[in-house]
Protein backbone atom coordinates (compact mmCIF):
# COMPACT_ATOMS: atom_id res chain seq x y z
CA MET A 1 -0.08 0.14 -0.30
CA VAL A 2 1.16 3.44 -0.79
CA GLN A 3 0.05 6.92 0.46
CA LEU A 4 -2.52 8.86 -1.46
CA ALA A 5 -3.11 11.81 0.84
CA VAL A 6 -3.10 13.05 4.39
CA ALA A 7 -6.73 13.99 5.99
CA GLY A 8 -6.73 16.35 8.78
CA ASP A 9 -8.81 13.82 10.56
CA ILE A 10 -10.95 10.44 10.51
CA ALA A 11 -13.70 12.55 8.99
CA GLU A 12 -11.81 13.73 6.20
CA ALA A 13 -10.00 10.43 5.52
CA GLU A 14 -13.75 8.41 5.65
CA GLU A 15 -14.26 11.19 2.96
CA LEU A 16 -11.89 10.43 0.97
CA ARG A 17 -12.72 6.63 1.44
CA THR A 18 -16.17 7.19 0.01
CA ILE A 19 -14.58 8.49 -2.85
CA LEU A 20 -12.65 5.94 -3.35
CA ARG A 21 -15.33 3.11 -2.55
CA GLN A 22 -17.32 5.13 -5.10
CA ALA A 23 -14.75 4.41 -8.01
CA GLY A 24 -14.40 0.98 -6.64
CA ILE A 25 -10.79 1.51 -5.76
CA GLU A 26 -10.01 -0.34 -2.44
CA SER A 27 -8.10 1.97 0.46
CA GLU A 28 -7.17 1.76 3.84
CA VAL A 29 -6.56 4.66 6.48
CA ALA A 30 -3.39 4.82 8.96
CA PRO A 31 -2.61 7.45 11.91
CA ALA A 32 0.25 9.84 9.99
CA VAL A 33 1.50 10.82 13.37
CA GLU A 34 2.78 9.07 16.18
CA HIS A 35 0.17 9.72 19.51
CA HIS A 36 0.36 8.69 22.95
CA PRO A 37 -2.44 5.73 23.13
CA ARG A 38 -4.35 7.72 26.15
CA GLU A 39 -4.85 11.07 23.75
CA VAL A 40 -8.42 11.41 22.48
CA GLU A 41 -7.92 14.26 20.10
CA ASP A 42 -8.33 13.50 16.33
CA VAL A 43 -4.54 12.97 14.04
CA PRO A 44 -4.08 13.38 10.92
CA GLN A 45 -4.75 10.03 9.16
CA LYS A 46 -3.05 8.76 6.00
CA VAL A 47 -4.70 7.32 2.96
CA LEU A 48 -3.58 4.31 1.76
CA VAL A 49 -4.12 2.64 -1.89
CA SER A 50 -2.99 0.04 -3.34
CA GLU A 51 0.37 1.17 -5.94
CA ALA A 52 -1.42 -0.65 -8.62
CA GLU A 53 -4.46 1.91 -8.36
CA LEU A 54 -2.46 4.90 -7.38
CA GLU A 55 -3.04 7.09 -10.35
CA ALA A 56 -6.75 5.31 -10.96
CA ALA A 57 -7.15 7.15 -6.94
CA GLN A 58 -5.44 10.32 -7.90
CA ASN A 59 -7.84 10.99 -10.97
CA ALA A 60 -10.78 9.74 -9.25
CA ILE A 61 -10.30 11.82 -6.01
CA GLU A 62 -9.97 15.18 -8.74
CA ALA A 63 -13.00 14.26 -11.07
CA LEU A 64 -15.29 13.29 -7.69
CA SER A 65 -14.19 16.62 -5.36
CA GLU A 66 -14.78 20.63 -5.60
CA PRO A 67 -10.91 21.65 -5.06
CA ASP A 68 -12.17 24.49 -2.45
CA GLU A 69 -14.34 21.50 -0.90
CA LEU A 70 -12.20 18.43 -0.53
CA PHE A 71 -11.67 18.80 3.05
CA ASP A 72 -14.52 21.17 3.82
CA ALA A 73 -16.06 18.93 6.78
CA GLU A 74 -16.59 21.39 9.06
């Protein structure tokens, strides 16, 4: 798996995964930074896809999102 993007939090990562799922692309999420297990704050998340699907995933995100709205989950 290779990194496609870094989302600011889990909600943003899930938005990206939804776009990828609609395009038929499997993805995973992993914390982008180390944090203490007792911390409750949301940390940035890496969105990972298979290397073979990286270009298709980039195209799907560009095609299915507005440039200024990609991370407007607030």
